[in-house]
Amino acid sequence: MKQLHTWHWMSSAISLVGLLLFTITGITLNHAAEIEAKPVIEERTAQLPADLLAGLASKDGEAERAPLPAPVAAWVADTFAVKVRGEAEWSADEAYLALPRPGGDGWVAIDRATGEVTAESTDRGWISYLNDLHKGRNSGTAWKWFIDIFAGACLVFAFTGLFLLQLHAAKRPSTWPIVGVGLLIPVLIALIFIH
């Protein structure tokens, strides 16, 4: 019993902030259509230096998807203050790099003939950012691991809570009827109202 209590409070401490985040964003996701968001779109242009443009011309005949050459990627990152990662889509006319992120989107297009670079960034606000974290959308490997570890801690919290309920149920006769109601409500809603 002492070990169950230790696991229960430790898993709840680890899960606390994540539970609050996922609970609040669960509500905002459930009401996403009612929460008005006005995306802020910013478009900028620049001219790729001639020496870097030569590096793009040498990509003719290569794969349709490949990373930007390192010097070009560094220039784009510095010029537009974006994180350049992943593969660009290459065509005869341009290199196009999608820059998805939580709460927004972005892209960079480089004209391979003229060196004109256009970058667009869309910010959908902090609620969208938190909602995307809830879904793990465009949030990277570290966040994906966080979600998995958090889910594991929640499972430990729930199962140790269930065992503690079972240990204390003899002194609390309403325990299992309340647990049964907690199970019955979502089952009835799913069976009756979801088609």
N, C-alpha and C. Protein backbone atom coordinates (compact mmCIF):
# COMPACT_ATOMS: atom_id res chain seq x y z
N MET A 1 0.83 -1.20 0.00
CA MET A 1 0.00 0.00 0.00
C MET A 1 0.87 1.26 0.00
N LYS A 2 1.95 1.25 0.78
CA LYS A 2 2.85 2.40 0.82
C LYS A 2 3.47 2.64 -0.55
N GLN A 3 3.84 1.54 -1.22
CA GLN A 3 4.43 1.67 -2.56
C GLN A 3 3.41 2.23 -3.56
N LEU A 4 2.15 1.79 -3.47
CA LEU A 4 1.11 2.32 -4.34
C LEU A 4 0.93 3.82 -4.14
N HIS A 5 0.92 4.24 -2.86
CA HIS A 5 0.80 5.67 -2.58
C HIS A 5 1.97 6.45 -3.16
N THR A 6 3.18 5.89 -3.03
CA THR A 6 4.37 6.56 -3.58
C THR A 6 4.27 6.69 -5.09
N TRP A 7 3.94 5.61 -5.77
CA TRP A 7 3.80 5.65 -7.23
C TRP A 7 2.69 6.61 -7.64
N HIS A 8 1.60 6.59 -6.87
CA HIS A 8 0.45 7.42 -7.21
C HIS A 8 0.81 8.91 -7.10
N TRP A 9 1.43 9.32 -5.99
CA TRP A 9 1.73 10.75 -5.86
C TRP A 9 2.85 11.17 -6.80
N MET A 10 3.82 10.29 -7.05
CA MET A 10 4.91 10.66 -7.97
C MET A 10 4.39 10.79 -9.40
N SER A 11 3.55 9.85 -9.84
CA SER A 11 3.01 9.93 -11.21
C SER A 11 2.08 11.13 -11.35
N SER A 12 1.36 11.47 -10.27
CA SER A 12 0.48 12.64 -10.35
C SER A 12 1.31 13.92 -10.39
N ALA A 13 2.42 13.97 -9.67
CA ALA A 13 3.28 15.15 -9.71
C ALA A 13 3.89 15.34 -11.10
N ILE A 14 4.34 14.24 -11.70
CA ILE A 14 4.91 14.31 -13.05
C ILE A 14 3.85 14.70 -14.06
N SER A 15 2.63 14.24 -13.86
CA SER A 15 1.55 14.46 -14.83
C SER A 15 0.80 15.76 -14.67
N LEU A 16 0.96 16.45 -13.53
CA LEU A 16 0.10 17.58 -13.19
C LEU A 16 0.04 18.65 -14.27
N VAL A 17 1.19 19.19 -14.68
CA VAL A 17 1.18 20.28 -15.66
C VAL A 17 0.66 19.79 -17.01
N GLY A 18 1.08 18.57 -17.40
CA GLY A 18 0.59 18.00 -18.65
C GLY A 18 -0.91 17.78 -18.62
N LEU A 19 -1.44 17.30 -17.48
CA LEU A 19 -2.89 17.10 -17.36
C LEU A 19 -3.63 18.42 -17.51
N LEU A 20 -3.11 19.47 -16.89
CA LEU A 20 -3.75 20.78 -17.03
C LEU A 20 -3.72 21.25 -18.48
N LEU A 21 -2.55 21.12 -19.13
CA LEU A 21 -2.42 21.54 -20.53
C LEU A 21 -3.37 20.75 -21.43
N PHE A 22 -3.36 19.43 -21.29
CA PHE A 22 -4.18 18.60 -22.17
C PHE A 22 -5.67 18.73 -21.85
N THR A 23 -6.02 19.03 -20.62
CA THR A 23 -7.43 19.25 -20.28
C THR A 23 -7.93 20.55 -20.89
N ILE A 24 -7.17 21.62 -20.72
CA ILE A 24 -7.58 22.92 -21.26
C ILE A 24 -7.62 22.87 -22.78
N THR A 25 -6.60 22.28 -23.41
CA THR A 25 -6.60 22.22 -24.87
C THR A 25 -7.64 21.23 -25.39
N GLY A 26 -8.02 20.26 -24.59
CA GLY A 26 -9.13 19.39 -24.97
C GLY A 26 -10.42 20.19 -25.10
N ILE A 27 -10.62 21.14 -24.18
CA ILE A 27 -11.81 22.00 -24.24
C ILE A 27 -11.71 22.93 -25.45
N THR A 28 -10.54 23.54 -25.66
CA THR A 28 -10.41 24.47 -26.80
C THR A 28 -10.53 23.72 -28.13
N LEU A 29 -10.04 22.50 -28.21
CA LEU A 29 -10.22 21.71 -29.43
C LEU A 29 -11.67 21.33 -29.65
N ASN A 30 -12.36 21.01 -28.56
CA ASN A 30 -13.77 20.64 -28.66
C ASN A 30 -14.63 21.81 -29.14
N HIS A 31 -14.15 23.03 -28.90
CA HIS A 31 -14.90 24.23 -29.30
C HIS A 31 -14.13 25.06 -30.33
N ALA A 32 -13.30 24.40 -31.12
CA ALA A 32 -12.44 25.11 -32.08
C ALA A 32 -13.25 25.94 -33.07
N ALA A 33 -14.40 25.45 -33.49
CA ALA A 33 -15.22 26.19 -34.46
C ALA A 33 -15.79 27.47 -33.86
N GLU A 34 -15.92 27.51 -32.54
CA GLU A 34 -16.50 28.68 -31.87
C GLU A 34 -15.44 29.69 -31.44
N ILE A 35 -14.18 29.29 -31.46
CA ILE A 35 -13.09 30.19 -31.06
C ILE A 35 -12.53 30.83 -32.32
N GLU A 36 -12.81 32.11 -32.46
CA GLU A 36 -12.40 32.82 -33.67
C GLU A 36 -10.91 33.09 -33.64
N ALA A 37 -10.25 32.72 -34.72
CA ALA A 37 -8.82 32.98 -34.85
C ALA A 37 -8.59 33.79 -36.12
N LYS A 38 -7.76 34.80 -36.00
CA LYS A 38 -7.42 35.62 -37.16
C LYS A 38 -5.94 35.42 -37.43
N PRO A 39 -5.62 34.63 -38.45
CA PRO A 39 -4.21 34.38 -38.73
C PRO A 39 -3.50 35.67 -39.16
N VAL A 40 -2.28 35.79 -38.70
CA VAL A 40 -1.42 36.90 -39.11
C VAL A 40 -0.44 36.36 -40.13
N ILE A 41 -0.51 36.90 -41.35
CA ILE A 41 0.33 36.43 -42.44
C ILE A 41 1.36 37.50 -42.76
N GLU A 42 2.60 37.08 -42.77
CA GLU A 42 3.69 38.00 -43.09
C GLU A 42 4.45 37.44 -44.29
N GLU A 43 4.63 38.26 -45.30
CA GLU A 43 5.39 37.85 -46.49
C GLU A 43 6.59 38.77 -46.65
N ARG A 44 7.74 38.17 -46.91
CA ARG A 44 8.96 38.95 -47.12
C ARG A 44 9.68 38.42 -48.35
N THR A 45 10.46 39.28 -48.95
CA THR A 45 11.27 38.86 -50.10
C THR A 45 12.71 39.30 -49.88
N ALA A 46 13.61 38.62 -50.56
CA ALA A 46 15.04 38.94 -50.51
C ALA A 46 15.68 38.41 -51.78
N GLN A 47 16.90 38.79 -51.99
CA GLN A 47 17.65 38.33 -53.16
C GLN A 47 18.78 37.40 -52.70
N LEU A 48 18.78 36.18 -53.19
CA LEU A 48 19.83 35.22 -52.85
C LEU A 48 21.14 35.69 -53.48
N PRO A 49 22.23 35.73 -52.73
CA PRO A 49 23.52 36.14 -53.30
C PRO A 49 23.89 35.25 -54.49
N ALA A 50 24.57 35.84 -55.47
CA ALA A 50 24.91 35.15 -56.72
C ALA A 50 25.71 33.88 -56.49
N ASP A 51 26.66 33.90 -55.53
CA ASP A 51 27.47 32.71 -55.29
C ASP A 51 26.63 31.54 -54.77
N LEU A 52 25.56 31.85 -54.00
CA LEU A 52 24.68 30.79 -53.51
C LEU A 52 23.73 30.31 -54.59
N LEU A 53 23.34 31.22 -55.48
CA LEU A 53 22.45 30.86 -56.58
C LEU A 53 23.11 29.82 -57.48
N ALA A 54 24.40 29.91 -57.67
CA ALA A 54 25.13 28.94 -58.49
C ALA A 54 25.00 27.53 -57.89
N GLY A 55 24.94 27.44 -56.57
CA GLY A 55 24.77 26.14 -55.91
C GLY A 55 23.41 25.51 -56.18
N LEU A 56 22.41 26.34 -56.43
CA LEU A 56 21.08 25.82 -56.75
C LEU A 56 21.00 25.32 -58.18
N ALA A 57 21.72 25.97 -59.07
CA ALA A 57 21.70 25.56 -60.48
C ALA A 57 22.28 24.17 -60.66
N SER A 58 23.21 23.77 -59.81
CA SER A 58 23.85 22.46 -59.95
C SER A 58 22.93 21.32 -59.54
N LYS A 59 21.74 21.63 -59.04
CA LYS A 59 20.82 20.58 -58.59
C LYS A 59 19.99 20.01 -59.74
N ASP A 60 20.18 20.49 -60.98
CA ASP A 60 19.39 19.99 -62.11
C ASP A 60 19.54 18.48 -62.26
N GLY A 61 18.42 17.84 -62.53
CA GLY A 61 18.43 16.40 -62.77
C GLY A 61 18.48 15.56 -61.52
N GLU A 62 18.51 16.19 -60.35
CA GLU A 62 18.55 15.42 -59.10
C GLU A 62 17.13 15.12 -58.62
N ALA A 63 17.04 14.49 -57.48
CA ALA A 63 15.75 14.08 -56.91
C ALA A 63 14.81 15.28 -56.76
N GLU A 64 13.52 15.02 -56.83
CA GLU A 64 12.53 16.08 -56.69
C GLU A 64 12.44 16.57 -55.25
N ARG A 65 12.91 15.78 -54.29
CA ARG A 65 12.92 16.19 -52.89
C ARG A 65 14.33 15.98 -52.35
N ALA A 66 14.91 17.07 -51.85
CA ALA A 66 16.25 17.01 -51.26
C ALA A 66 16.43 18.25 -50.40
N PRO A 67 17.29 18.18 -49.38
CA PRO A 67 17.52 19.37 -48.55
C PRO A 67 18.17 20.49 -49.37
N LEU A 68 17.97 21.72 -48.89
CA LEU A 68 18.68 22.85 -49.49
C LEU A 68 20.17 22.67 -49.22
N PRO A 69 21.03 23.11 -50.13
CA PRO A 69 22.46 23.07 -49.84
C PRO A 69 22.74 23.83 -48.53
N ALA A 70 23.70 23.35 -47.74
CA ALA A 70 23.96 23.92 -46.42
C ALA A 70 24.18 25.44 -46.43
N PRO A 71 24.97 25.99 -47.37
CA PRO A 71 25.14 27.45 -47.35
C PRO A 71 23.84 28.20 -47.65
N VAL A 72 23.00 27.65 -48.52
CA VAL A 72 21.71 28.28 -48.84
C VAL A 72 20.79 28.18 -47.63
N ALA A 73 20.77 27.02 -46.99
CA ALA A 73 19.94 26.83 -45.79
C ALA A 73 20.35 27.81 -44.70
N ALA A 74 21.66 28.00 -44.50
CA ALA A 74 22.14 28.94 -43.48
C ALA A 74 21.73 30.37 -43.83
N TRP A 75 21.82 30.74 -45.10
CA TRP A 75 21.43 32.08 -45.52
C TRP A 75 19.93 32.31 -45.29
N VAL A 76 19.12 31.33 -45.66
CA VAL A 76 17.66 31.43 -45.47
C VAL A 76 17.34 31.58 -43.98
N ALA A 77 17.99 30.75 -43.15
CA ALA A 77 17.75 30.81 -41.70
C ALA A 77 18.12 32.18 -41.14
N ASP A 78 19.24 32.72 -41.56
CA ASP A 78 19.67 34.03 -41.06
C ASP A 78 18.80 35.16 -41.60
N THR A 79 18.46 35.11 -42.87
CA THR A 79 17.73 36.19 -43.51
C THR A 79 16.29 36.28 -43.03
N PHE A 80 15.65 35.13 -42.84
CA PHE A 80 14.22 35.12 -42.50
C PHE A 80 13.93 34.68 -41.06
N ALA A 81 14.99 34.41 -40.29
CA ALA A 81 14.82 33.98 -38.88
C ALA A 81 13.87 32.79 -38.77
N VAL A 82 14.15 31.75 -39.55
CA VAL A 82 13.36 30.53 -39.51
C VAL A 82 14.27 29.33 -39.29
N LYS A 83 13.70 28.24 -38.82
CA LYS A 83 14.44 26.99 -38.68
C LYS A 83 14.31 26.22 -39.98
N VAL A 84 15.42 26.03 -40.65
CA VAL A 84 15.41 25.34 -41.94
C VAL A 84 15.75 23.87 -41.69
N ARG A 85 14.77 23.02 -41.96
CA ARG A 85 15.00 21.58 -41.79
C ARG A 85 14.09 20.84 -42.76
N GLY A 86 14.43 19.62 -43.02
CA GLY A 86 13.62 18.82 -43.93
C GLY A 86 14.05 19.00 -45.37
N GLU A 87 13.29 18.38 -46.23
CA GLU A 87 13.62 18.39 -47.65
C GLU A 87 12.79 19.42 -48.39
N ALA A 88 13.42 20.08 -49.35
CA ALA A 88 12.72 21.01 -50.22
C ALA A 88 12.18 20.25 -51.42
N GLU A 89 11.15 20.81 -52.03
CA GLU A 89 10.62 20.25 -53.28
C GLU A 89 11.31 21.01 -54.41
N TRP A 90 11.95 20.27 -55.29
CA TRP A 90 12.72 20.87 -56.39
C TRP A 90 11.98 20.71 -57.69
N SER A 91 11.91 21.80 -58.45
CA SER A 91 11.40 21.75 -59.82
C SER A 91 12.42 22.49 -60.68
N ALA A 92 12.19 22.53 -61.97
CA ALA A 92 13.12 23.22 -62.86
C ALA A 92 13.19 24.71 -62.54
N ASP A 93 12.09 25.27 -62.01
CA ASP A 93 12.02 26.71 -61.78
C ASP A 93 12.35 27.15 -60.36
N GLU A 94 12.02 26.30 -59.37
CA GLU A 94 12.20 26.76 -58.00
C GLU A 94 12.50 25.64 -57.03
N ALA A 95 12.98 26.06 -55.87
CA ALA A 95 13.10 25.17 -54.71
C ALA A 95 12.11 25.70 -53.68
N TYR A 96 11.22 24.83 -53.20
CA TYR A 96 10.16 25.22 -52.27
C TYR A 96 10.35 24.43 -50.99
N LEU A 97 10.46 25.14 -49.87
CA LEU A 97 10.66 24.50 -48.57
C LEU A 97 9.48 24.83 -47.66
N ALA A 98 8.73 23.82 -47.26
CA ALA A 98 7.63 24.00 -46.31
C ALA A 98 8.22 24.11 -44.91
N LEU A 99 7.65 25.02 -44.11
CA LEU A 99 8.12 25.24 -42.75
C LEU A 99 6.96 25.16 -41.76
N PRO A 100 6.36 23.97 -41.63
CA PRO A 100 5.24 23.84 -40.69
C PRO A 100 5.73 23.92 -39.25
N ARG A 101 4.86 24.42 -38.38
CA ARG A 101 5.18 24.51 -36.95
C ARG A 101 3.88 24.55 -36.17
N PRO A 102 3.92 24.28 -34.86
CA PRO A 102 2.70 24.39 -34.08
C PRO A 102 2.17 25.82 -34.11
N GLY A 103 0.89 25.96 -34.31
CA GLY A 103 0.26 27.27 -34.29
C GLY A 103 0.45 28.09 -35.54
N GLY A 104 1.02 27.51 -36.56
CA GLY A 104 1.24 28.29 -37.77
C GLY A 104 1.85 27.46 -38.88
N ASP A 105 2.19 28.14 -39.92
CA ASP A 105 2.81 27.52 -41.08
C ASP A 105 3.78 28.52 -41.68
N GLY A 106 4.56 28.03 -42.60
CA GLY A 106 5.44 28.93 -43.32
C GLY A 106 6.02 28.20 -44.52
N TRP A 107 6.61 28.96 -45.39
CA TRP A 107 7.29 28.38 -46.54
C TRP A 107 8.28 29.38 -47.10
N VAL A 108 9.24 28.84 -47.83
CA VAL A 108 10.23 29.65 -48.53
C VAL A 108 10.30 29.11 -49.95
N ALA A 109 10.22 30.01 -50.93
CA ALA A 109 10.35 29.63 -52.34
C ALA A 109 11.53 30.41 -52.94
N ILE A 110 12.42 29.68 -53.59
CA ILE A 110 13.59 30.30 -54.21
C ILE A 110 13.50 30.09 -55.71
N ASP A 111 13.47 31.20 -56.45
CA ASP A 111 13.47 31.14 -57.90
C ASP A 111 14.89 30.76 -58.33
N ARG A 112 15.01 29.63 -58.99
CA ARG A 112 16.34 29.11 -59.34
C ARG A 112 17.01 29.88 -60.46
N ALA A 113 16.25 30.65 -61.22
CA ALA A 113 16.83 31.43 -62.32
C ALA A 113 17.27 32.80 -61.85
N THR A 114 16.41 33.47 -61.07
CA THR A 114 16.70 34.86 -60.69
C THR A 114 17.28 35.01 -59.30
N GLY A 115 17.08 34.01 -58.44
CA GLY A 115 17.54 34.11 -57.05
C GLY A 115 16.59 34.88 -56.16
N GLU A 116 15.40 35.22 -56.67
CA GLU A 116 14.42 35.90 -55.82
C GLU A 116 13.86 34.90 -54.81
N VAL A 117 13.86 35.30 -53.56
CA VAL A 117 13.40 34.42 -52.49
C VAL A 117 12.17 35.06 -51.84
N THR A 118 11.11 34.29 -51.72
CA THR A 118 9.90 34.74 -51.06
C THR A 118 9.65 33.83 -49.87
N ALA A 119 9.39 34.44 -48.73
CA ALA A 119 9.09 33.67 -47.52
C ALA A 119 7.76 34.15 -46.96
N GLU A 120 6.94 33.20 -46.56
CA GLU A 120 5.66 33.54 -45.94
C GLU A 120 5.56 32.82 -44.61
N SER A 121 5.05 33.54 -43.61
CA SER A 121 4.86 32.99 -42.28
C SER A 121 3.44 33.29 -41.83
N THR A 122 2.76 32.26 -41.34
CA THR A 122 1.40 32.42 -40.83
C THR A 122 1.37 32.05 -39.36
N ASP A 123 0.87 32.96 -38.54
CA ASP A 123 0.75 32.73 -37.10
C ASP A 123 -0.74 32.72 -36.76
N ARG A 124 -1.23 31.61 -36.22
CA ARG A 124 -2.66 31.48 -35.90
C ARG A 124 -2.96 31.75 -34.43
N GLY A 125 -1.97 32.17 -33.66
CA GLY A 125 -2.20 32.54 -32.26
C GLY A 125 -1.85 31.45 -31.27
N TRP A 126 -1.86 31.85 -30.00
CA TRP A 126 -1.41 30.95 -28.94
C TRP A 126 -2.37 29.79 -28.69
N ILE A 127 -3.67 30.00 -28.90
CA ILE A 127 -4.61 28.88 -28.71
C ILE A 127 -4.34 27.80 -29.76
N SER A 128 -4.11 28.22 -30.98
CA SER A 128 -3.78 27.27 -32.04
C SER A 128 -2.45 26.57 -31.73
N TYR A 129 -1.50 27.33 -31.19
CA TYR A 129 -0.21 26.74 -30.81
C TYR A 129 -0.41 25.63 -29.78
N LEU A 130 -1.17 25.93 -28.73
CA LEU A 130 -1.41 24.93 -27.69
C LEU A 130 -2.23 23.74 -28.21
N ASN A 131 -3.21 24.02 -29.08
CA ASN A 131 -3.99 22.93 -29.68
C ASN A 131 -3.09 22.01 -30.51
N ASP A 132 -2.16 22.59 -31.27
CA ASP A 132 -1.25 21.77 -32.06
C ASP A 132 -0.32 20.95 -31.16
N LEU A 133 0.08 21.51 -30.02
CA LEU A 133 0.88 20.72 -29.07
C LEU A 133 0.05 19.55 -28.55
N HIS A 134 -1.24 19.78 -28.29
CA HIS A 134 -2.13 18.71 -27.83
C HIS A 134 -2.14 17.56 -28.83
N LYS A 135 -2.18 17.90 -30.12
CA LYS A 135 -2.25 16.88 -31.17
C LYS A 135 -0.87 16.37 -31.58
N GLY A 136 0.19 17.03 -31.12
CA GLY A 136 1.53 16.66 -31.55
C GLY A 136 1.80 17.09 -32.99
N ARG A 137 1.05 18.05 -33.50
CA ARG A 137 1.17 18.49 -34.89
C ARG A 137 2.40 19.36 -35.07
N ASN A 138 3.28 18.92 -35.95
CA ASN A 138 4.48 19.69 -36.32
C ASN A 138 5.29 20.12 -35.11
N SER A 139 5.36 19.28 -34.09
CA SER A 139 6.01 19.68 -32.85
C SER A 139 7.34 18.97 -32.58
N GLY A 140 7.75 18.08 -33.45
CA GLY A 140 9.08 17.50 -33.33
C GLY A 140 9.17 16.26 -32.46
N THR A 141 10.34 15.66 -32.49
CA THR A 141 10.58 14.39 -31.81
C THR A 141 10.56 14.53 -30.29
N ALA A 142 11.16 15.59 -29.77
CA ALA A 142 11.21 15.76 -28.30
C ALA A 142 9.80 15.85 -27.73
N TRP A 143 8.91 16.60 -28.41
CA TRP A 143 7.53 16.72 -27.92
C TRP A 143 6.80 15.39 -28.04
N LYS A 144 7.08 14.65 -29.11
CA LYS A 144 6.46 13.33 -29.28
C LYS A 144 6.85 12.41 -28.11
N TRP A 145 8.13 12.46 -27.71
CA TRP A 145 8.57 11.67 -26.56
C TRP A 145 7.90 12.15 -25.28
N PHE A 146 7.78 13.47 -25.13
CA PHE A 146 7.10 14.00 -23.95
C PHE A 146 5.69 13.45 -23.85
N ILE A 147 4.95 13.48 -24.95
CA ILE A 147 3.56 12.99 -24.95
C ILE A 147 3.53 11.52 -24.53
N ASP A 148 4.44 10.71 -25.06
CA ASP A 148 4.45 9.28 -24.71
C ASP A 148 4.79 9.06 -23.24
N ILE A 149 5.79 9.78 -22.74
CA ILE A 149 6.18 9.63 -21.33
C ILE A 149 5.06 10.15 -20.42
N PHE A 150 4.47 11.27 -20.81
CA PHE A 150 3.35 11.82 -20.05
C PHE A 150 2.19 10.82 -20.00
N ALA A 151 1.87 10.21 -21.15
CA ALA A 151 0.79 9.23 -21.20
C ALA A 151 1.10 8.03 -20.29
N GLY A 152 2.36 7.60 -20.29
CA GLY A 152 2.76 6.51 -19.40
C GLY A 152 2.58 6.89 -17.93
N ALA A 153 2.98 8.12 -17.57
CA ALA A 153 2.80 8.58 -16.19
C ALA A 153 1.32 8.65 -15.83
N CYS A 154 0.48 9.06 -16.78
CA CYS A 154 -0.97 9.10 -16.53
C CYS A 154 -1.53 7.70 -16.31
N LEU A 155 -1.02 6.73 -17.06
CA LEU A 155 -1.46 5.34 -16.86
C LEU A 155 -1.08 4.84 -15.47
N VAL A 156 0.14 5.12 -15.05
CA VAL A 156 0.57 4.73 -13.70
C VAL A 156 -0.33 5.40 -12.68
N PHE A 157 -0.59 6.69 -12.86
CA PHE A 157 -1.47 7.45 -11.97
C PHE A 157 -2.86 6.82 -11.90
N ALA A 158 -3.43 6.47 -13.06
CA ALA A 158 -4.77 5.90 -13.10
C ALA A 158 -4.82 4.50 -12.48
N PHE A 159 -3.87 3.64 -12.84
CA PHE A 159 -3.90 2.27 -12.32
C PHE A 159 -3.60 2.21 -10.83
N THR A 160 -2.65 3.03 -10.35
CA THR A 160 -2.41 3.03 -8.91
C THR A 160 -3.62 3.61 -8.18
N GLY A 161 -4.28 4.59 -8.80
CA GLY A 161 -5.51 5.11 -8.21
C GLY A 161 -6.60 4.05 -8.13
N LEU A 162 -6.69 3.23 -9.18
CA LEU A 162 -7.66 2.14 -9.19
C LEU A 162 -7.37 1.12 -8.08
N PHE A 163 -6.10 0.79 -7.92
CA PHE A 163 -5.74 -0.15 -6.85
C PHE A 163 -6.00 0.46 -5.47
N LEU A 164 -5.73 1.75 -5.32
CA LEU A 164 -6.02 2.41 -4.05
C LEU A 164 -7.52 2.46 -3.78
N LEU A 165 -8.30 2.67 -4.83
CA LEU A 165 -9.76 2.60 -4.67
C LEU A 165 -10.19 1.23 -4.15
N GLN A 166 -9.60 0.20 -4.76
CA GLN A 166 -9.95 -1.16 -4.36
C GLN A 166 -9.57 -1.42 -2.90
N LEU A 167 -8.43 -0.90 -2.47
CA LEU A 167 -7.99 -1.11 -1.08
C LEU A 167 -8.88 -0.37 -0.08
N HIS A 168 -9.41 0.78 -0.47
CA HIS A 168 -10.23 1.58 0.44
C HIS A 168 -11.73 1.37 0.24
N ALA A 169 -12.12 0.58 -0.75
CA ALA A 169 -13.54 0.43 -1.09
C ALA A 169 -14.37 -0.17 0.05
N ALA A 170 -13.78 -1.02 0.85
CA ALA A 170 -14.54 -1.65 1.93
C ALA A 170 -15.05 -0.61 2.92
N LYS A 171 -14.27 0.45 3.13
CA LYS A 171 -14.68 1.50 4.08
C LYS A 171 -15.50 2.60 3.39
N ARG A 172 -15.56 2.55 2.06
CA ARG A 172 -16.29 3.57 1.30
C ARG A 172 -17.23 2.85 0.33
N PRO A 173 -18.44 2.51 0.76
CA PRO A 173 -19.33 1.70 -0.07
C PRO A 173 -19.76 2.35 -1.39
N SER A 174 -19.66 3.66 -1.48
CA SER A 174 -20.07 4.32 -2.72
C SER A 174 -18.98 4.28 -3.80
N THR A 175 -17.81 3.72 -3.50
CA THR A 175 -16.68 3.73 -4.44
C THR A 175 -17.04 3.11 -5.77
N TRP A 176 -17.46 1.85 -5.77
CA TRP A 176 -17.69 1.15 -7.05
C TRP A 176 -18.91 1.64 -7.80
N PRO A 177 -20.00 2.04 -7.11
CA PRO A 177 -21.09 2.65 -7.86
C PRO A 177 -20.66 3.94 -8.59
N ILE A 178 -19.82 4.76 -7.94
CA ILE A 178 -19.35 5.99 -8.58
C ILE A 178 -18.43 5.67 -9.76
N VAL A 179 -17.55 4.67 -9.59
CA VAL A 179 -16.68 4.24 -10.70
C VAL A 179 -17.56 3.71 -11.85
N GLY A 180 -18.60 2.95 -11.50
CA GLY A 180 -19.52 2.42 -12.52
C GLY A 180 -20.22 3.54 -13.29
N VAL A 181 -20.64 4.59 -12.58
CA VAL A 181 -21.28 5.74 -13.25
C VAL A 181 -20.27 6.41 -14.19
N GLY A 182 -19.02 6.52 -13.73
CA GLY A 182 -17.97 7.10 -14.57
C GLY A 182 -17.74 6.31 -15.85
N LEU A 183 -17.96 5.02 -15.81
CA LEU A 183 -17.86 4.17 -17.00
C LEU A 183 -19.14 4.24 -17.82
N LEU A 184 -20.28 4.23 -17.15
CA LEU A 184 -21.57 4.17 -17.83
C LEU A 184 -21.88 5.43 -18.65
N ILE A 185 -21.53 6.60 -18.13
CA ILE A 185 -21.86 7.86 -18.82
C ILE A 185 -21.28 7.90 -20.22
N PRO A 186 -19.94 7.71 -20.42
CA PRO A 186 -19.44 7.77 -21.80
C PRO A 186 -19.96 6.65 -22.68
N VAL A 187 -20.20 5.46 -22.10
CA VAL A 187 -20.74 4.35 -22.89
C VAL A 187 -22.13 4.69 -23.41
N LEU A 188 -22.99 5.21 -22.54
CA LEU A 188 -24.36 5.56 -22.96
C LEU A 188 -24.35 6.69 -23.99
N ILE A 189 -23.51 7.70 -23.76
CA ILE A 189 -23.44 8.80 -24.73
C ILE A 189 -22.99 8.26 -26.09
N ALA A 190 -21.99 7.38 -26.09
CA ALA A 190 -21.49 6.83 -27.36
C ALA A 190 -22.56 5.98 -28.04
N LEU A 191 -23.27 5.17 -27.28
CA LEU A 191 -24.26 4.29 -27.88
C LEU A 191 -25.52 5.03 -28.34
N ILE A 192 -25.93 6.04 -27.59
CA ILE A 192 -27.20 6.72 -27.89
C ILE A 192 -27.03 7.93 -28.82
N PHE A 193 -26.00 8.72 -28.59
CA PHE A 193 -25.92 10.00 -29.30
C PHE A 193 -24.90 10.07 -30.43
N ILE A 194 -24.02 9.11 -30.51
CA ILE A 194 -23.01 9.15 -31.59
C ILE A 194 -23.43 8.18 -32.68
N HIS A 195 -23.57 8.69 -33.88
CA HIS A 195 -24.00 7.84 -34.99
C HIS A 195 -22.98 7.89 -36.09
